[in-house]
Amino acid sequence: MPELLARTSSAELTEWMAYERVTGPLGPERLDALVATLAATVANTARAKGRKAEPKDFMPKWDQGDKGLTDVQQMLAAVKSYNRQIGGTDSTTKGGAAGGDA
């Protein structure tokens, strides 16, 4: 983590986090589909009569959409909070970015 923070700006890290939230995990393969198939298979071997489990039942939902953070100040506060949690650098002044663009 220290090397990541030394080489990546807070803004770039935030952009990657947003990208991953929408598209799912970064990497060459999407293991979530494989794991969901495996989980459905295991669930179906242990189930009683009733609805058969399907892989979609175990697929993570990466884009959760609007979670109530519609105000720019709320979004900025959420990003700053996460930035503090990971030990990032805050380059904002009076609620706006260093270049004046919040």
N, C-alpha and C. Protein backbone atom coordinates (compact mmCIF):
# COMPACT_ATOMS: atom_id res chain seq x y z
N MET A 1 0.80 -1.19 0.00
CA MET A 1 0.00 0.00 0.00
C MET A 1 0.85 1.27 0.00
N PRO A 2 1.93 1.33 0.80
CA PRO A 2 2.74 2.55 0.78
C PRO A 2 3.31 2.84 -0.62
N GLU A 3 3.75 1.79 -1.34
CA GLU A 3 4.27 2.01 -2.69
C GLU A 3 3.18 2.53 -3.61
N LEU A 4 1.97 1.96 -3.50
CA LEU A 4 0.84 2.42 -4.31
C LEU A 4 0.58 3.90 -4.07
N LEU A 5 0.53 4.30 -2.80
CA LEU A 5 0.25 5.69 -2.48
C LEU A 5 1.39 6.62 -2.90
N ALA A 6 2.62 6.10 -2.92
CA ALA A 6 3.75 6.92 -3.34
C ALA A 6 3.74 7.15 -4.85
N ARG A 7 3.21 6.19 -5.61
CA ARG A 7 3.24 6.27 -7.07
C ARG A 7 1.94 6.77 -7.69
N THR A 8 0.86 6.77 -6.93
CA THR A 8 -0.45 7.10 -7.48
C THR A 8 -1.05 8.27 -6.72
N SER A 9 -1.55 9.24 -7.45
CA SER A 9 -2.18 10.39 -6.79
C SER A 9 -3.54 9.98 -6.24
N SER A 10 -4.02 10.74 -5.30
CA SER A 10 -5.34 10.49 -4.73
C SER A 10 -6.42 10.57 -5.81
N ALA A 11 -6.28 11.51 -6.73
CA ALA A 11 -7.27 11.67 -7.80
C ALA A 11 -7.28 10.44 -8.71
N GLU A 12 -6.10 9.94 -9.07
CA GLU A 12 -6.05 8.76 -9.95
C GLU A 12 -6.61 7.54 -9.24
N LEU A 13 -6.27 7.37 -7.97
CA LEU A 13 -6.79 6.24 -7.20
C LEU A 13 -8.31 6.29 -7.11
N THR A 14 -8.85 7.49 -6.91
CA THR A 14 -10.30 7.66 -6.85
C THR A 14 -10.95 7.31 -8.18
N GLU A 15 -10.31 7.68 -9.28
CA GLU A 15 -10.85 7.34 -10.61
C GLU A 15 -10.87 5.83 -10.82
N TRP A 16 -9.79 5.14 -10.41
CA TRP A 16 -9.75 3.69 -10.55
C TRP A 16 -10.80 3.02 -9.67
N MET A 17 -11.02 3.56 -8.47
CA MET A 17 -12.05 3.01 -7.58
C MET A 17 -13.42 3.14 -8.21
N ALA A 18 -13.70 4.29 -8.81
CA ALA A 18 -15.00 4.50 -9.47
C ALA A 18 -15.15 3.55 -10.65
N TYR A 19 -14.09 3.39 -11.44
CA TYR A 19 -14.13 2.49 -12.59
C TYR A 19 -14.41 1.06 -12.14
N GLU A 20 -13.72 0.62 -11.11
CA GLU A 20 -13.90 -0.75 -10.62
C GLU A 20 -15.29 -0.95 -10.03
N ARG A 21 -15.84 0.07 -9.42
CA ARG A 21 -17.17 -0.04 -8.84
C ARG A 21 -18.22 -0.31 -9.92
N VAL A 22 -18.02 0.29 -11.09
CA VAL A 22 -18.97 0.12 -12.19
C VAL A 22 -18.72 -1.18 -12.96
N THR A 23 -17.46 -1.49 -13.24
CA THR A 23 -17.15 -2.61 -14.12
C THR A 23 -16.84 -3.91 -13.41
N GLY A 24 -16.60 -3.86 -12.11
CA GLY A 24 -16.21 -5.07 -11.39
C GLY A 24 -14.71 -5.09 -11.18
N PRO A 25 -14.19 -6.19 -10.67
CA PRO A 25 -12.78 -6.26 -10.35
C PRO A 25 -11.89 -6.05 -11.57
N LEU A 26 -10.77 -5.40 -11.35
CA LEU A 26 -9.79 -5.23 -12.41
C LEU A 26 -9.03 -6.53 -12.60
N GLY A 27 -8.58 -6.78 -13.79
CA GLY A 27 -7.81 -7.98 -14.06
C GLY A 27 -8.21 -8.60 -15.37
N PRO A 28 -7.42 -9.57 -15.84
CA PRO A 28 -7.68 -10.15 -17.15
C PRO A 28 -8.91 -11.06 -17.20
N GLU A 29 -9.34 -11.56 -16.08
CA GLU A 29 -10.47 -12.48 -16.08
C GLU A 29 -11.49 -12.05 -15.03
N ARG A 30 -12.73 -12.40 -15.30
CA ARG A 30 -13.78 -12.10 -14.32
C ARG A 30 -14.10 -13.39 -13.56
N LEU A 31 -13.44 -13.57 -12.45
CA LEU A 31 -13.64 -14.79 -11.67
C LEU A 31 -14.99 -14.82 -10.97
N ASP A 32 -15.67 -13.67 -10.90
CA ASP A 32 -16.95 -13.67 -10.21
C ASP A 32 -17.95 -14.60 -10.89
N ALA A 33 -17.94 -14.69 -12.22
CA ALA A 33 -18.86 -15.59 -12.93
C ALA A 33 -18.53 -17.04 -12.63
N LEU A 34 -17.25 -17.37 -12.58
CA LEU A 34 -16.84 -18.73 -12.26
C LEU A 34 -17.24 -19.11 -10.84
N VAL A 35 -16.98 -18.22 -9.91
CA VAL A 35 -17.32 -18.49 -8.52
C VAL A 35 -18.83 -18.57 -8.34
N ALA A 36 -19.58 -17.74 -9.03
CA ALA A 36 -21.04 -17.79 -8.95
C ALA A 36 -21.57 -19.13 -9.46
N THR A 37 -20.98 -19.63 -10.54
CA THR A 37 -21.38 -20.94 -11.06
C THR A 37 -21.07 -22.04 -10.06
N LEU A 38 -19.90 -21.97 -9.45
CA LEU A 38 -19.53 -22.95 -8.45
C LEU A 38 -20.45 -22.87 -7.23
N ALA A 39 -20.75 -21.65 -6.78
CA ALA A 39 -21.64 -21.48 -5.62
C ALA A 39 -23.03 -22.02 -5.92
N ALA A 40 -23.53 -21.79 -7.12
CA ALA A 40 -24.85 -22.31 -7.48
C ALA A 40 -24.85 -23.83 -7.49
N THR A 41 -23.78 -24.42 -7.99
CA THR A 41 -23.67 -25.88 -8.01
C THR A 41 -23.68 -26.45 -6.60
N VAL A 42 -22.89 -25.85 -5.72
CA VAL A 42 -22.84 -26.31 -4.33
C VAL A 42 -24.20 -26.12 -3.66
N ALA A 43 -24.81 -24.98 -3.87
CA ALA A 43 -26.13 -24.72 -3.26
C ALA A 43 -27.16 -25.72 -3.74
N ASN A 44 -27.11 -26.07 -5.01
CA ASN A 44 -28.10 -27.02 -5.55
C ASN A 44 -27.89 -28.44 -5.03
N THR A 45 -26.67 -28.80 -4.67
CA THR A 45 -26.45 -30.14 -4.12
C THR A 45 -26.97 -30.25 -2.70
N ALA A 46 -27.10 -29.11 -2.02
CA ALA A 46 -27.53 -29.12 -0.62
C ALA A 46 -28.96 -28.62 -0.43
N ARG A 47 -29.66 -28.34 -1.51
CA ARG A 47 -30.99 -27.73 -1.38
C ARG A 47 -32.08 -28.78 -1.20
N ALA A 48 -33.12 -28.34 -0.59
CA ALA A 48 -34.32 -29.16 -0.51
C ALA A 48 -35.13 -28.87 -1.77
N LYS A 49 -36.31 -29.45 -1.86
CA LYS A 49 -37.15 -29.17 -3.03
C LYS A 49 -37.48 -27.70 -3.06
N GLY A 50 -37.63 -27.20 -4.24
CA GLY A 50 -37.94 -25.77 -4.39
C GLY A 50 -37.17 -25.20 -5.55
N ARG A 51 -37.05 -23.92 -5.54
CA ARG A 51 -36.39 -23.22 -6.64
C ARG A 51 -34.91 -23.58 -6.72
N LYS A 52 -34.47 -23.87 -7.94
CA LYS A 52 -33.07 -24.20 -8.19
C LYS A 52 -32.24 -22.91 -8.24
N ALA A 53 -31.10 -22.94 -7.55
CA ALA A 53 -30.21 -21.78 -7.55
C ALA A 53 -29.56 -21.63 -8.92
N GLU A 54 -29.34 -20.39 -9.33
CA GLU A 54 -28.69 -20.09 -10.60
C GLU A 54 -27.49 -19.20 -10.32
N PRO A 55 -26.49 -19.23 -11.23
CA PRO A 55 -25.30 -18.40 -11.01
C PRO A 55 -25.64 -16.92 -10.77
N LYS A 56 -26.68 -16.40 -11.43
CA LYS A 56 -27.02 -14.99 -11.24
C LYS A 56 -27.40 -14.68 -9.80
N ASP A 57 -27.84 -15.71 -9.05
CA ASP A 57 -28.18 -15.51 -7.64
C ASP A 57 -26.94 -15.18 -6.80
N PHE A 58 -25.78 -15.53 -7.30
CA PHE A 58 -24.54 -15.35 -6.55
C PHE A 58 -23.60 -14.31 -7.17
N MET A 59 -24.06 -13.67 -8.24
CA MET A 59 -23.22 -12.66 -8.90
C MET A 59 -23.25 -11.35 -8.09
N PRO A 60 -22.09 -10.79 -7.81
CA PRO A 60 -22.08 -9.49 -7.12
C PRO A 60 -22.63 -8.41 -8.04
N LYS A 61 -23.25 -7.42 -7.45
CA LYS A 61 -23.79 -6.29 -8.20
C LYS A 61 -22.79 -5.14 -8.04
N TRP A 62 -21.98 -4.92 -9.07
CA TRP A 62 -20.90 -3.96 -8.96
C TRP A 62 -21.37 -2.52 -8.98
N ASP A 63 -22.28 -2.17 -9.85
CA ASP A 63 -22.75 -0.79 -9.89
C ASP A 63 -24.02 -0.69 -9.07
N GLN A 64 -23.92 -0.10 -7.90
CA GLN A 64 -25.06 0.01 -7.01
C GLN A 64 -25.89 1.26 -7.30
N GLY A 65 -25.46 2.04 -8.27
CA GLY A 65 -26.22 3.23 -8.63
C GLY A 65 -26.19 4.28 -7.55
N ASP A 66 -27.17 5.13 -7.58
CA ASP A 66 -27.26 6.25 -6.64
C ASP A 66 -27.58 5.74 -5.25
N LYS A 67 -26.73 6.08 -4.30
CA LYS A 67 -26.96 5.69 -2.92
C LYS A 67 -27.30 6.90 -2.06
N GLY A 68 -27.86 7.90 -2.69
CA GLY A 68 -28.27 9.07 -1.93
C GLY A 68 -27.25 10.19 -1.90
N LEU A 69 -26.08 10.00 -2.46
CA LEU A 69 -25.07 11.05 -2.48
C LEU A 69 -25.26 11.87 -3.75
N THR A 70 -26.22 12.76 -3.72
CA THR A 70 -26.50 13.56 -4.90
C THR A 70 -25.90 14.95 -4.80
N ASP A 71 -25.64 15.40 -3.61
CA ASP A 71 -25.05 16.70 -3.41
C ASP A 71 -23.54 16.62 -3.59
N VAL A 72 -22.98 17.57 -4.31
CA VAL A 72 -21.54 17.58 -4.58
C VAL A 72 -20.74 17.58 -3.28
N GLN A 73 -21.18 18.34 -2.30
CA GLN A 73 -20.46 18.41 -1.03
C GLN A 73 -20.49 17.06 -0.31
N GLN A 74 -21.62 16.34 -0.41
CA GLN A 74 -21.70 15.01 0.21
C GLN A 74 -20.73 14.05 -0.48
N MET A 75 -20.68 14.11 -1.81
CA MET A 75 -19.77 13.24 -2.54
C MET A 75 -18.32 13.55 -2.20
N LEU A 76 -17.98 14.83 -2.13
CA LEU A 76 -16.62 15.22 -1.79
C LEU A 76 -16.27 14.76 -0.38
N ALA A 77 -17.21 14.90 0.55
CA ALA A 77 -16.96 14.45 1.93
C ALA A 77 -16.74 12.95 1.98
N ALA A 78 -17.50 12.18 1.18
CA ALA A 78 -17.34 10.73 1.15
C ALA A 78 -15.97 10.36 0.59
N VAL A 79 -15.54 11.03 -0.46
CA VAL A 79 -14.23 10.75 -1.05
C VAL A 79 -13.12 11.11 -0.08
N LYS A 80 -13.25 12.27 0.59
CA LYS A 80 -12.24 12.68 1.56
C LYS A 80 -12.15 11.68 2.72
N SER A 81 -13.30 11.17 3.16
CA SER A 81 -13.32 10.20 4.24
C SER A 81 -12.58 8.94 3.84
N TYR A 82 -12.87 8.43 2.65
CA TYR A 82 -12.17 7.22 2.19
C TYR A 82 -10.68 7.51 2.00
N ASN A 83 -10.36 8.66 1.48
CA ASN A 83 -8.97 9.05 1.28
C ASN A 83 -8.21 9.04 2.61
N ARG A 84 -8.85 9.55 3.67
CA ARG A 84 -8.22 9.53 5.00
C ARG A 84 -8.01 8.10 5.48
N GLN A 85 -9.00 7.24 5.24
CA GLN A 85 -8.92 5.85 5.70
C GLN A 85 -7.74 5.11 5.08
N ILE A 86 -7.42 5.42 3.84
CA ILE A 86 -6.31 4.72 3.18
C ILE A 86 -5.00 5.49 3.27
N GLY A 87 -5.00 6.59 3.99
CA GLY A 87 -3.77 7.36 4.19
C GLY A 87 -3.37 8.20 3.00
N GLY A 88 -4.33 8.60 2.19
CA GLY A 88 -4.05 9.42 1.01
C GLY A 88 -3.76 10.86 1.37
N THR A 89 -3.36 11.62 0.39
CA THR A 89 -3.04 13.03 0.56
C THR A 89 -4.22 13.88 0.11
N ASP A 90 -4.62 14.83 0.92
CA ASP A 90 -5.73 15.71 0.58
C ASP A 90 -5.16 17.01 0.01
N SER A 91 -5.38 17.23 -1.29
CA SER A 91 -4.85 18.44 -1.92
C SER A 91 -5.95 19.46 -2.19
N THR A 92 -7.04 19.36 -1.44
CA THR A 92 -8.13 20.31 -1.64
C THR A 92 -8.00 21.49 -0.68
N THR A 93 -8.62 22.58 -1.05
CA THR A 93 -8.64 23.76 -0.18
C THR A 93 -10.06 24.28 -0.14
N LYS A 94 -10.59 24.49 1.02
CA LYS A 94 -11.94 25.02 1.23
C LYS A 94 -12.98 24.27 0.41
N GLY A 95 -12.87 22.92 0.37
CA GLY A 95 -13.89 22.10 -0.27
C GLY A 95 -13.72 21.91 -1.77
N GLY A 96 -12.77 22.60 -2.38
CA GLY A 96 -12.58 22.46 -3.83
C GLY A 96 -11.21 21.84 -4.10
N ALA A 97 -11.01 21.37 -5.31
CA ALA A 97 -9.73 20.78 -5.68
C ALA A 97 -8.67 21.87 -5.77
N ALA A 98 -7.43 21.47 -5.78
CA ALA A 98 -6.33 22.43 -5.79
C ALA A 98 -6.42 23.38 -6.97
N GLY A 99 -6.94 22.91 -8.10
CA GLY A 99 -7.09 23.76 -9.27
C GLY A 99 -8.38 24.56 -9.25
N GLY A 100 -9.17 24.43 -8.18
CA GLY A 100 -10.41 25.17 -8.07
C GLY A 100 -11.64 24.44 -8.59
N ASP A 101 -11.45 23.22 -9.11
CA ASP A 101 -12.56 22.45 -9.67
C ASP A 101 -12.94 21.34 -8.71
N ALA A 102 -14.09 21.46 -8.08
CA ALA A 102 -14.52 20.42 -7.14
C ALA A 102 -15.17 19.32 -7.91
